[in-house]
Amino acid sequence: MDEEVARVVMDSKEDIWKSKEMSEIVNGFFENSLRTLDFCTELMSSLKHAKDRQFMSPLAPERPEEDHQGISNRGEETEKSRNMYLKTLEELKTLNGTLCTEELLQILQTVYESHIKVLERLKNGKLKLHKKLRGVQSWRKVTRVIFVTTSAAVVICSVVAAAAGAASTVVASLSAATAFPISSVGKWIDGLLKKYEDALKGQIEVLSSMQVGTCVVLKDLKTIGLSIGKLDKELKSLTETTDPIVDSEVSVKKDIGEVKEQLWDFMECVDELGVWADRCSHQIRQARMVVLRRIINRRENLN
């Protein structure tokens, strides 16, 4: 957890975090979200590096076009033009080292599975809290009935005893019982149960906010996985397309339109993946802030 999260959680140890299980769930949520943020940061860094490599290399869109036009206008294949074009195509092979899509997919799978486990733990935690909440609410109703009935019974007994001419000691005892603050005891117990009920509701709210945030991030991670798969397909298509050109003695007059089209498709995949990685990172930070606000507000309400 980062410094801000650690401070808020530590400050809240004495109120809603008296439950060890609740504390572990919250800590697990924040630690998992940090790992996901690290993945998004690493992914965006890899994408930026790949784009920078392409714009700084002979792979830039205008270079192949200039080479091709020059060759066509002259109507001849000079060794210099051939080497320049082959060098441009050779750059495509370096993309595999720049963007290791298989490694990214493995990391993504680990992060995704961690979120599934967190979500499952949140669901189980909410079920337990709802069960406790129903029990507390039932006990509040029962205690109210008990104390109201007890108070009424004592008063009725004292009236009946006095009317029936009971012994003075009996009447005195009943009078003392009515003087005992039974209603105050009932209010005190009801207050304790109400405080516990509010604490449970607060914990449920915190878990609910974490559950919503986790579900949103899971959807983003699934989309990122599909985008990485698409990027991997485009990358393989690019490198496979260049193999027969680079490794054989074909004429440099070969139409490069297909290669350029695939290159732009690849660049679009990179941009799309970057957008989703940034979106996921934003969603995680937003979810963390919502949970922190819930914790802080709950602590302030208890004070």
Protein backbone atom coordinates (compact mmCIF):
# COMPACT_ATOMS: atom_id res chain seq x y z
CA MET A 1 0.00 0.00 0.00
CA ASP A 2 1.13 3.58 -0.60
CA GLU A 3 1.66 6.14 2.18
CA GLU A 4 -1.80 7.75 1.97
CA VAL A 5 -3.63 4.43 2.12
CA ALA A 6 -1.47 3.18 4.99
CA ARG A 7 -2.15 6.35 6.99
CA VAL A 8 -5.93 6.17 6.55
CA VAL A 9 -6.11 2.47 7.37
CA MET A 10 -3.91 2.83 10.46
CA ASP A 11 -6.01 5.77 11.69
CA SER A 12 -9.11 3.62 11.33
CA LYS A 13 -7.83 0.65 13.33
CA GLU A 14 -9.95 1.52 16.36
CA ASP A 15 -13.34 1.73 14.64
CA ILE A 16 -14.56 -0.35 11.71
CA TRP A 17 -11.28 -2.30 11.47
CA LYS A 18 -11.74 -4.11 14.76
CA SER A 19 -12.60 -7.06 12.54
CA LYS A 20 -9.38 -8.79 11.49
CA GLU A 21 -11.09 -10.30 8.44
CA MET A 22 -12.34 -6.88 7.33
CA SER A 23 -8.89 -5.38 7.74
CA GLU A 24 -7.30 -8.17 5.66
CA ILE A 25 -9.87 -7.72 2.87
CA VAL A 26 -9.25 -3.96 2.69
CA ASN A 27 -5.46 -4.38 2.74
CA GLY A 28 -5.70 -7.04 0.03
CA PHE A 29 -7.79 -4.75 -2.16
CA PHE A 30 -5.29 -1.88 -1.99
CA GLU A 31 -2.25 -4.13 -2.51
CA ASN A 32 -3.89 -5.77 -5.53
CA SER A 33 -4.82 -2.40 -7.02
CA LEU A 34 -1.20 -1.25 -6.68
CA ARG A 35 0.01 -4.33 -8.59
CA THR A 36 -2.49 -3.56 -11.34
CA LEU A 37 -1.32 0.06 -11.51
CA ASP A 38 2.25 -1.19 -11.89
CA PHE A 39 1.15 -3.41 -14.78
CA CYS A 40 -0.63 -0.52 -16.53
CA THR A 41 2.43 1.69 -16.08
CA GLU A 42 4.72 -0.99 -17.52
CA LEU A 43 2.34 -1.58 -20.43
CA MET A 44 2.11 2.13 -21.32
CA SER A 45 5.88 2.45 -21.07
CA SER A 46 6.36 -0.46 -23.50
CA LEU A 47 3.86 1.02 -25.95
CA LYS A 48 5.53 4.43 -25.84
CA HIS A 49 8.94 2.87 -26.39
CA ALA A 50 7.62 0.93 -29.39
CA LYS A 51 6.12 4.05 -30.95
CA ASP A 52 9.30 6.05 -30.38
CA ARG A 53 11.36 3.31 -32.03
CA GLN A 54 9.16 3.34 -35.10
CA PHE A 55 9.06 7.12 -35.58
CA MET A 56 12.86 7.37 -35.22
CA SER A 57 13.65 4.52 -37.62
CA PRO A 58 13.49 4.06 -41.42
CA LEU A 59 10.10 2.49 -40.67
CA ALA A 60 8.55 5.96 -40.53
CA PRO A 61 5.69 6.16 -43.08
CA GLU A 62 7.33 8.72 -45.40
CA ARG A 63 10.59 6.77 -45.79
CA PRO A 64 9.25 3.64 -47.52
CA GLU A 65 7.05 5.82 -49.72
CA GLU A 66 9.99 7.98 -50.78
CA ASP A 67 12.12 4.91 -51.49
CA HIS A 68 9.39 3.33 -53.60
CA GLN A 69 8.67 6.50 -55.59
CA GLY A 70 12.35 7.05 -56.22
CA ILE A 71 12.78 3.54 -57.55
CA SER A 72 9.71 3.79 -59.75
CA ASN A 73 10.71 7.17 -61.22
CA ARG A 74 14.18 6.02 -62.12
CA GLY A 75 12.92 2.73 -63.39
CA GLU A 76 15.99 0.97 -62.05
CA GLU A 77 17.13 -0.84 -58.95
CA THR A 78 20.29 0.66 -57.58
CA GLU A 79 22.16 -1.10 -54.84
CA LYS A 80 21.81 1.95 -52.63
CA SER A 81 18.02 2.00 -52.94
CA ARG A 82 17.85 -1.72 -52.36
CA ASN A 83 19.87 -1.54 -49.15
CA MET A 84 17.82 1.37 -47.85
CA TYR A 85 14.55 -0.43 -48.43
CA LEU A 86 15.77 -3.70 -46.96
CA LYS A 87 16.98 -1.84 -43.89
CA THR A 88 13.52 -0.34 -43.47
CA LEU A 89 11.94 -3.79 -43.61
CA GLU A 90 14.55 -5.25 -41.29
CA GLU A 91 13.43 -2.79 -38.60
CA LEU A 92 10.12 -4.62 -38.40
CA LYS A 93 11.88 -7.63 -36.91
CA THR A 94 13.05 -5.61 -33.92
CA LEU A 95 9.45 -4.97 -32.85
CA ASN A 96 9.25 -8.43 -31.30
CA GLY A 97 11.96 -7.45 -28.86
CA THR A 98 10.41 -4.04 -28.19
CA LEU A 99 6.94 -5.41 -27.43
CA CYS A 100 6.97 -8.82 -25.75
CA THR A 101 3.25 -9.51 -26.06
CA GLU A 102 3.48 -13.03 -24.63
CA GLU A 103 5.10 -11.74 -21.44
CA LEU A 104 2.50 -8.97 -21.16
CA LEU A 105 -0.30 -11.52 -21.52
CA GLN A 106 1.22 -13.68 -18.78
CA ILE A 107 1.43 -10.72 -16.39
CA LEU A 108 -2.11 -9.69 -17.32
CA GLN A 109 -3.40 -13.19 -16.59
CA THR A 110 -1.82 -13.11 -13.13
CA VAL A 111 -3.32 -9.68 -12.40
CA TYR A 112 -6.73 -10.77 -13.69
CA GLU A 113 -6.76 -13.89 -11.51
CA SER A 114 -5.83 -11.78 -8.47
CA HIS A 115 -8.83 -9.54 -9.11
CA ILE A 116 -11.10 -12.59 -9.38
CA LYS A 117 -9.88 -13.78 -5.97
CA VAL A 118 -10.40 -10.32 -4.45
CA LEU A 119 -13.91 -10.16 -5.91
CA GLU A 120 -14.76 -13.58 -4.50
CA ARG A 121 -13.48 -12.56 -1.08
CA LEU A 122 -15.54 -9.36 -1.21
CA LYS A 123 -18.69 -11.32 -2.06
CA ASN A 124 -18.14 -13.77 0.81
CA GLY A 125 -17.36 -10.92 3.20
CA LYS A 126 -20.59 -9.12 2.29
CA LEU A 127 -22.63 -12.30 2.78
CA LYS A 128 -21.22 -12.72 6.31
CA LEU A 129 -21.84 -9.07 7.18
CA HIS A 130 -25.42 -9.18 5.89
CA LYS A 131 -26.04 -12.28 8.01
CA LYS A 132 -24.68 -10.50 11.10
CA LEU A 133 -26.73 -7.41 10.26
CA ARG A 134 -29.97 -9.39 10.05
CA GLY A 135 -29.16 -10.96 13.42
CA VAL A 136 -28.52 -7.60 15.10
CA GLN A 137 -31.71 -6.11 13.65
CA SER A 138 -33.69 -9.09 14.94
CA TRP A 139 -32.16 -8.74 18.41
CA ARG A 140 -33.05 -5.05 18.52
CA LYS A 141 -36.69 -5.91 17.86
CA VAL A 142 -36.66 -8.67 20.50
CA THR A 143 -35.05 -6.52 23.22
CA ARG A 144 -37.53 -3.71 22.60
CA VAL A 145 -40.44 -6.10 23.05
CA ILE A 146 -38.88 -7.65 26.17
CA PHE A 147 -38.25 -4.37 27.96
CA VAL A 148 -41.60 -2.86 27.00
CA THR A 149 -43.39 -6.01 28.17
CA THR A 150 -41.37 -6.19 31.41
CA SER A 151 -42.06 -2.56 32.30
CA ALA A 152 -45.76 -2.95 31.61
CA ALA A 153 -45.97 -6.19 33.61
CA VAL A 154 -44.38 -4.64 36.70
CA VAL A 155 -46.72 -1.65 36.61
CA ILE A 156 -49.79 -3.86 36.17
CA CYS A 157 -48.74 -6.14 39.02
CA SER A 158 -48.26 -3.23 41.40
CA VAL A 159 -51.70 -1.81 40.57
CA VAL A 160 -53.39 -5.19 40.99
CA ALA A 161 -51.59 -5.85 44.28
CA ALA A 162 -52.63 -2.49 45.69
CA ALA A 163 -56.22 -2.96 44.58
CA ALA A 164 -56.36 -6.44 46.07
CA GLY A 165 -55.10 -5.20 49.42
CA ALA A 166 -51.85 -7.09 49.33
CA ALA A 167 -49.40 -6.89 52.20
CA SER A 168 -47.53 -3.63 52.51
CA THR A 169 -44.19 -5.38 51.95
CA VAL A 170 -45.38 -6.76 48.60
CA VAL A 171 -46.69 -3.40 47.49
CA ALA A 172 -43.44 -1.75 48.58
CA SER A 173 -41.39 -4.27 46.62
CA LEU A 174 -43.43 -3.73 43.48
CA SER A 175 -43.20 0.02 43.90
CA ALA A 176 -39.42 -0.27 44.14
CA ALA A 177 -39.39 -2.36 40.97
CA THR A 178 -41.35 0.27 39.08
CA ALA A 179 -38.95 2.89 40.34
CA PHE A 180 -36.02 0.91 38.87
CA PRO A 181 -35.11 2.48 35.47
CA ILE A 182 -35.93 -0.52 33.29
CA SER A 183 -36.60 1.69 30.29
CA SER A 184 -33.16 3.29 30.67
CA VAL A 185 -31.51 -0.13 30.63
CA GLY A 186 -33.51 -1.00 27.52
CA LYS A 187 -32.42 2.19 25.77
CA TRP A 188 -28.80 1.54 26.75
CA ILE A 189 -28.85 -1.99 25.30
CA ASP A 190 -30.68 -0.79 22.18
CA GLY A 191 -28.04 1.92 21.78
CA LEU A 192 -25.24 -0.66 21.87
CA LEU A 193 -27.00 -2.79 19.27
CA LYS A 194 -27.66 0.30 17.12
CA LYS A 195 -23.97 1.21 17.23
CA TYR A 196 -23.02 -2.31 16.16
CA GLU A 197 -25.65 -2.21 13.40
CA ASP A 198 -24.24 1.07 12.07
CA ALA A 199 -20.71 -0.36 12.12
CA LEU A 200 -21.85 -3.36 10.08
CA LYS A 201 -23.62 -1.11 7.58
CA GLY A 202 -20.45 0.96 7.25
CA GLN A 203 -18.38 -2.14 6.55
CA ILE A 204 -20.89 -3.31 3.94
CA GLU A 205 -20.69 0.09 2.22
CA VAL A 206 -16.89 -0.13 2.08
CA LEU A 207 -17.00 -3.66 0.65
CA SER A 208 -19.65 -2.62 -1.88
CA SER A 209 -17.50 0.25 -3.14
CA MET A 210 -14.53 -2.11 -3.50
CA GLN A 211 -16.71 -4.65 -5.30
CA VAL A 212 -17.95 -2.10 -7.83
CA GLY A 213 -14.41 -0.84 -8.47
CA THR A 214 -13.07 -4.37 -8.89
CA CYS A 215 -15.81 -5.30 -11.39
CA VAL A 216 -15.08 -2.20 -13.50
CA VAL A 217 -11.34 -2.92 -13.54
CA LEU A 218 -11.98 -6.57 -14.46
CA LYS A 219 -13.89 -5.45 -17.57
CA ASP A 220 -11.04 -3.13 -18.53
CA LEU A 221 -8.47 -5.89 -18.02
CA LYS A 222 -10.48 -8.22 -20.23
CA THR A 223 -10.55 -5.57 -22.98
CA ILE A 224 -6.80 -4.99 -22.55
CA GLY A 225 -6.24 -8.73 -22.96
CA LEU A 226 -8.18 -8.73 -26.24
CA SER A 227 -6.23 -5.67 -27.43
CA ILE A 228 -2.89 -7.30 -26.60
CA GLY A 229 -3.99 -10.39 -28.53
CA LYS A 230 -4.92 -8.22 -31.50
CA LEU A 231 -1.60 -6.39 -31.23
CA ASP A 232 0.27 -9.70 -31.15
CA LYS A 233 -1.57 -10.82 -34.30
CA GLU A 234 -0.71 -7.60 -36.14
CA LEU A 235 2.92 -7.83 -35.01
CA LYS A 236 3.27 -11.40 -36.26
CA SER A 237 1.58 -10.45 -39.52
CA LEU A 238 4.10 -7.66 -40.03
CA THR A 239 7.17 -9.76 -39.32
CA GLU A 240 5.91 -12.71 -41.38
CA THR A 241 5.16 -10.42 -44.31
CA THR A 242 8.68 -9.06 -44.36
CA ASP A 243 10.42 -12.45 -44.15
CA PRO A 244 10.19 -13.35 -47.85
CA ILE A 245 11.23 -9.82 -48.81
CA VAL A 246 14.24 -9.67 -46.53
CA ASP A 247 15.44 -13.22 -46.85
CA SER A 248 15.12 -13.62 -50.62
CA GLU A 249 16.49 -11.83 -53.66
CA VAL A 250 13.17 -10.39 -54.87
CA SER A 251 13.01 -7.09 -56.69
CA VAL A 252 12.67 -3.96 -54.55
CA LYS A 253 9.91 -2.89 -56.93
CA LYS A 254 7.62 -5.21 -54.98
CA ASP A 255 4.53 -3.32 -53.93
CA ILE A 256 4.92 -2.10 -50.35
CA GLY A 257 1.29 -1.00 -50.04
CA GLU A 258 0.36 -4.12 -48.08
CA VAL A 259 3.24 -3.64 -45.66
CA LYS A 260 2.32 0.00 -45.08
CA GLU A 261 -1.33 -0.90 -44.49
CA GLN A 262 -0.34 -3.54 -41.94
CA LEU A 263 1.98 -1.05 -40.29
CA TRP A 264 -0.81 1.46 -39.82
CA ASP A 265 -3.09 -1.29 -38.47
CA PHE A 266 -0.36 -2.12 -35.99
CA MET A 267 0.00 1.52 -34.96
CA GLU A 268 -3.76 1.79 -34.45
CA CYS A 269 -3.62 -1.27 -32.17
CA VAL A 270 -0.82 0.36 -30.16
CA ASP A 271 -2.83 3.57 -29.76
CA GLU A 272 -6.00 1.67 -28.84
CA LEU A 273 -4.19 -0.41 -26.25
CA GLY A 274 -2.62 2.72 -24.79
CA VAL A 275 -6.07 4.29 -24.37
CA TRP A 276 -7.39 1.23 -22.54
CA ALA A 277 -4.32 1.00 -20.29
CA ASP A 278 -4.75 4.66 -19.36
CA ARG A 279 -8.47 4.15 -18.75
CA CYS A 280 -7.81 1.14 -16.51
CA SER A 281 -5.22 3.09 -14.53
CA HIS A 282 -7.72 5.93 -14.06
CA GLN A 283 -10.47 3.54 -12.94
CA ILE A 284 -8.17 1.96 -10.35
CA ARG A 285 -7.17 5.31 -8.87
CA GLN A 286 -10.80 6.40 -8.78
CA ALA A 287 -11.86 3.18 -7.02
CA ARG A 288 -9.10 3.61 -4.44
CA MET A 289 -10.22 7.19 -3.72
CA VAL A 290 -13.86 6.13 -3.32
CA VAL A 291 -12.90 3.44 -0.81
CA LEU A 292 -10.64 5.83 1.10
CA ARG A 293 -13.45 8.39 1.32
CA ARG A 294 -15.79 5.71 2.64
CA ILE A 295 -13.28 4.78 5.32
CA ILE A 296 -12.62 8.40 6.32
CA ASN A 297 -16.32 9.32 6.40
CA ARG A 298 -17.13 6.26 8.47
CA ARG A 299 -14.40 7.10 10.98
CA GLU A 300 -15.61 10.70 11.28
CA ASN A 301 -19.21 9.57 11.86
CA LEU A 302 -18.13 7.31 14.72
CA ASN A 303 -16.20 10.08 16.46
